[in-house]
Amino acid sequence: MTSIAIIGAGPGLGAAVARRFGREGFSVALVSRGRDRLDRLVSGLEAVGVRARGYAADVRDRAALADALDSAAAGLGAVEVLQYSPVPSSEFLRPVLETTVEDLAAAVEFSVLGLATAVARVLPGLRESRRGSILLVNGASAVTPNGAVAGTSTAFAGESAYGAMLHDALAPENIHVGQLVVPGAIGGGDPVFAPEALAERLWRIHAERGSYRTTVGG
């Protein structure tokens, strides 16, 4: 049995992706900082027939994140799909002239080094099976710098570049790396940005294995 690991899982997009992949027979590993939130998510997924477990870890704690992914693979089966979509902290959303060196370092640790840690943990299994996907979810600042949210804008750009390089390097091994850029509020009332609609887009990115970047509404 294979699984999807959703890093940064929450009740909106994370839960919707879990349900969508669960309908395809995937077990679901939910990774987030809050144990109470994880327990609620797992209960809700199990109620609709999705096999799920929660693993508490902060993406800035590399050892904890690696342990969570190891435990997920041991408990639910090899990770075939990795989704990296943690929600940025408020400290990363300050104007550029108010953003400190420490803010930038934390943002890069969150978006780039956390992703690299997760990729390093699941990649050996993906390469052995020669299949699977790594899915990134980013806001518009990953593509167009936004000085109002300087930390995230800087870090998302780095994450986007790292993902693009992985896409090119891993395509010959039948491993797809895809980025979904969401230039709007998830669940803000527009059906295009509803969690279920975005989850369907992510499923298609995994299943259809097209180009690296998909932009919602683009």
Protein backbone atom coordinates (compact mmCIF):
# COMPACT_ATOMS: atom_id res chain seq x y z
CA MET A 1 0.00 0.00 0.00
CA THR A 2 1.24 3.50 -0.78
CA SER A 3 0.60 6.78 0.98
CA ILE A 4 0.52 10.52 0.54
CA ALA A 5 2.29 12.63 3.16
CA ILE A 6 0.76 16.09 3.53
CA ILE A 7 3.11 18.46 5.32
CA GLY A 8 1.30 21.42 6.80
CA ALA A 9 -2.02 19.59 6.93
CA GLY A 10 -5.02 21.59 8.09
CA PRO A 11 -8.82 21.44 7.95
CA GLY A 12 -9.03 23.23 4.59
CA LEU A 13 -6.77 22.25 1.72
CA GLY A 14 -4.96 19.49 3.58
CA ALA A 15 -8.16 17.71 4.52
CA ALA A 16 -9.56 18.11 1.00
CA VAL A 17 -6.41 16.63 -0.56
CA ALA A 18 -6.53 13.77 1.93
CA ARG A 19 -10.09 12.96 0.93
CA ARG A 20 -9.31 13.22 -2.79
CA PHE A 21 -6.30 10.94 -2.67
CA GLY A 22 -8.05 8.69 -0.18
CA ARG A 23 -10.74 8.03 -2.78
CA GLU A 24 -7.98 6.70 -5.01
CA GLY A 25 -6.87 4.21 -2.38
CA PHE A 26 -4.04 6.17 -0.78
CA SER A 27 -3.39 6.06 2.92
CA VAL A 28 -2.80 9.54 4.31
CA ALA A 29 -0.05 10.78 6.62
CA LEU A 30 -0.86 14.19 8.05
CA VAL A 31 2.08 16.22 9.35
CA SER A 32 1.48 19.36 11.39
CA ARG A 33 2.63 20.95 14.64
CA GLY A 34 -0.59 20.56 16.64
CA ARG A 35 -1.50 17.15 18.00
CA ASP A 36 -5.10 18.16 18.78
CA ARG A 37 -5.63 19.39 15.23
CA LEU A 38 -4.14 16.19 13.84
CA ASP A 39 -6.41 14.04 15.98
CA ARG A 40 -9.48 15.91 14.73
CA LEU A 41 -8.38 15.61 11.11
CA VAL A 42 -7.71 11.89 11.44
CA SER A 43 -11.12 11.31 13.04
CA GLY A 44 -12.86 13.21 10.25
CA LEU A 45 -11.05 11.27 7.54
CA GLU A 46 -11.66 7.91 9.15
CA ALA A 47 -15.35 8.79 9.34
CA VAL A 48 -15.46 8.92 5.53
CA GLY A 49 -13.42 5.77 5.06
CA VAL A 50 -9.92 7.21 4.56
CA ARG A 51 -7.06 5.47 6.35
CA ALA A 52 -5.11 8.25 8.04
CA ARG A 53 -2.63 8.93 10.82
CA GLY A 54 -1.23 12.12 12.24
CA TYR A 55 2.41 12.91 12.97
CA ALA A 56 3.33 15.99 14.97
CA ALA A 57 6.37 17.89 13.68
CA ASP A 58 7.49 21.45 13.00
CA VAL A 59 9.03 21.85 9.53
CA ARG A 60 11.80 23.96 11.08
CA ASP A 61 12.80 21.01 13.26
CA ARG A 62 14.56 18.88 10.67
CA ALA A 63 15.06 15.86 12.91
CA ALA A 64 11.39 15.81 13.94
CA LEU A 65 10.24 16.19 10.34
CA ALA A 66 12.49 13.36 9.19
CA ASP A 67 11.25 11.14 12.03
CA ALA A 68 7.62 11.91 11.14
CA LEU A 69 8.12 10.86 7.54
CA ASP A 70 9.98 7.70 8.56
CA SER A 71 7.13 6.82 10.92
CA ALA A 72 4.57 7.49 8.19
CA ALA A 73 6.31 5.15 5.77
CA ALA A 74 6.60 2.46 8.44
CA GLY A 75 2.98 2.77 9.53
CA LEU A 76 1.14 3.46 6.29
CA GLY A 77 3.34 2.22 3.48
CA ALA A 78 5.88 3.83 1.21
CA VAL A 79 5.31 7.53 0.53
CA GLU A 80 4.38 7.81 -3.15
CA VAL A 81 3.28 11.44 -3.00
CA LEU A 82 4.76 14.22 -0.89
CA GLN A 83 2.79 17.46 -0.61
CA TYR A 84 4.63 20.39 0.94
CA SER A 85 2.21 23.15 1.88
CA PRO A 86 2.78 24.53 5.40
CA VAL A 87 1.14 27.91 6.05
CA PRO A 88 3.73 30.68 6.54
CA SER A 89 4.01 32.35 9.94
CA SER A 90 3.01 35.98 10.42
CA GLU A 91 6.65 36.96 10.96
CA PHE A 92 7.28 36.15 7.29
CA LEU A 93 4.53 38.50 6.08
CA ARG A 94 6.08 41.87 6.91
CA PRO A 95 7.02 44.67 4.49
CA VAL A 96 10.53 44.42 3.10
CA LEU A 97 11.91 47.37 5.10
CA GLU A 98 10.57 45.85 8.32
CA THR A 99 11.91 42.37 7.60
CA THR A 100 15.04 41.46 9.53
CA VAL A 101 17.85 39.09 8.70
CA GLU A 102 16.42 36.73 11.29
CA ASP A 103 13.00 36.86 9.63
CA LEU A 104 14.52 35.97 6.26
CA ALA A 105 16.57 33.14 7.72
CA ALA A 106 13.49 31.68 9.42
CA ALA A 107 11.41 31.97 6.24
CA VAL A 108 14.04 30.18 4.17
CA GLU A 109 14.34 27.49 6.83
CA PHE A 110 10.56 27.08 6.72
CA SER A 111 10.03 26.99 2.95
CA VAL A 112 13.30 25.74 1.49
CA LEU A 113 15.19 23.76 4.11
CA GLY A 114 12.05 22.08 5.40
CA LEU A 115 11.19 21.01 1.87
CA ALA A 116 14.73 19.80 1.23
CA THR A 117 14.60 17.77 4.44
CA ALA A 118 11.33 16.15 3.42
CA VAL A 119 12.53 15.42 -0.10
CA ALA A 120 15.72 13.83 1.16
CA ARG A 121 13.67 11.51 3.36
CA VAL A 122 11.21 10.27 0.73
CA LEU A 123 13.36 10.40 -2.38
CA PRO A 124 15.17 7.08 -1.92
CA GLY A 125 11.83 5.27 -1.89
CA LEU A 126 10.55 7.17 -4.91
CA ARG A 127 13.71 6.40 -6.85
CA GLU A 128 13.56 2.74 -5.92
CA SER A 129 9.96 2.41 -7.13
CA ARG A 130 10.54 4.82 -10.06
CA ARG A 131 7.19 6.51 -9.57
CA GLY A 132 5.47 9.15 -7.49
CA SER A 133 5.17 12.90 -7.14
CA ILE A 134 6.40 15.82 -5.08
CA LEU A 135 3.75 18.56 -4.96
CA LEU A 136 4.38 22.15 -3.86
CA VAL A 137 1.65 24.66 -3.05
CA ASN A 138 2.62 28.34 -3.11
CA GLY A 139 1.07 31.77 -3.29
CA ALA A 140 1.61 34.22 -6.12
CA SER A 141 4.73 35.69 -4.48
CA ALA A 142 6.58 32.53 -5.51
CA VAL A 143 6.44 33.91 -9.05
CA THR A 144 6.07 37.69 -8.60
CA PRO A 145 7.95 39.32 -5.68
CA ASN A 146 5.69 41.14 -3.25
CA GLY A 147 7.39 43.62 -0.96
CA ALA A 148 4.46 43.56 1.46
CA VAL A 149 5.27 39.96 2.44
CA ALA A 150 9.01 39.99 2.03
CA GLY A 151 9.99 36.90 4.01
CA THR A 152 7.55 34.58 2.31
CA SER A 153 8.14 36.19 -1.08
CA THR A 154 11.88 35.55 -0.80
CA ALA A 155 11.50 32.04 0.56
CA PHE A 156 8.75 30.99 -1.86
CA ALA A 157 10.96 32.08 -4.76
CA GLY A 158 13.72 29.83 -3.45
CA GLU A 159 11.29 26.96 -2.95
CA SER A 160 9.97 27.45 -6.47
CA ALA A 161 13.47 27.39 -7.96
CA TYR A 162 14.42 24.29 -5.99
CA GLY A 163 11.26 22.55 -7.15
CA ALA A 164 11.92 23.45 -10.78
CA MET A 165 15.41 21.99 -10.57
CA LEU A 166 14.06 18.82 -8.98
CA HIS A 167 11.45 18.59 -11.75
CA ASP A 168 14.13 18.58 -14.42
CA ALA A 169 16.47 16.23 -12.56
CA LEU A 170 13.87 13.62 -11.60
CA ALA A 171 11.72 13.49 -14.73
CA PRO A 172 13.99 10.86 -16.38
CA GLU A 173 13.34 8.62 -13.35
CA ASN A 174 9.54 8.89 -13.75
CA ILE A 175 9.21 11.05 -10.63
CA HIS A 176 7.10 14.15 -11.16
CA VAL A 177 7.62 17.42 -9.32
CA GLY A 178 4.78 19.90 -9.72
CA GLN A 179 3.96 23.30 -8.27
CA LEU A 180 0.46 24.70 -7.80
CA VAL A 181 0.46 28.50 -7.54
CA VAL A 182 -2.66 29.82 -5.81
CA PRO A 183 -2.93 33.61 -6.40
CA GLY A 184 -5.81 34.13 -4.01
CA ALA A 185 -7.32 33.15 -0.69
CA ILE A 186 -8.08 29.46 -0.30
CA GLY A 187 -11.71 29.03 0.61
CA GLY A 188 -12.47 32.73 0.22
CA GLY A 189 -15.80 32.20 -1.54
CA ASP A 190 -14.59 31.85 -5.14
CA PRO A 191 -15.31 28.25 -6.19
CA VAL A 192 -12.05 28.14 -8.17
CA PHE A 193 -10.17 28.57 -4.89
CA ALA A 194 -12.31 26.17 -2.86
CA PRO A 195 -10.25 23.48 -1.11
CA GLU A 196 -12.01 20.72 -3.03
CA ALA A 197 -11.26 22.38 -6.38
CA LEU A 198 -7.60 22.83 -5.47
CA ALA A 199 -7.41 19.23 -4.27
CA GLU A 200 -8.69 18.12 -7.66
CA ARG A 201 -6.01 20.22 -9.37
CA LEU A 202 -3.34 18.58 -7.21
CA TRP A 203 -4.67 15.13 -8.03
CA ARG A 204 -4.46 15.96 -11.74
CA ILE A 205 -0.92 17.28 -11.36
CA HIS A 206 0.03 13.93 -9.84
CA ALA A 207 -1.94 11.78 -12.27
CA GLU A 208 -1.33 13.65 -15.53
CA ARG A 209 2.31 14.62 -14.91
CA GLY A 210 2.44 17.73 -17.07
CA SER A 211 4.68 20.78 -16.80
CA TYR A 212 6.22 21.97 -13.56
CA ARG A 213 3.99 24.93 -12.77
CA THR A 214 0.21 25.15 -12.71
CA THR A 215 -1.39 28.47 -11.83
CA VAL A 216 -4.96 28.57 -10.59
CA GLY A 217 -6.98 30.84 -12.83
CA GLY A 218 -4.12 31.06 -15.30
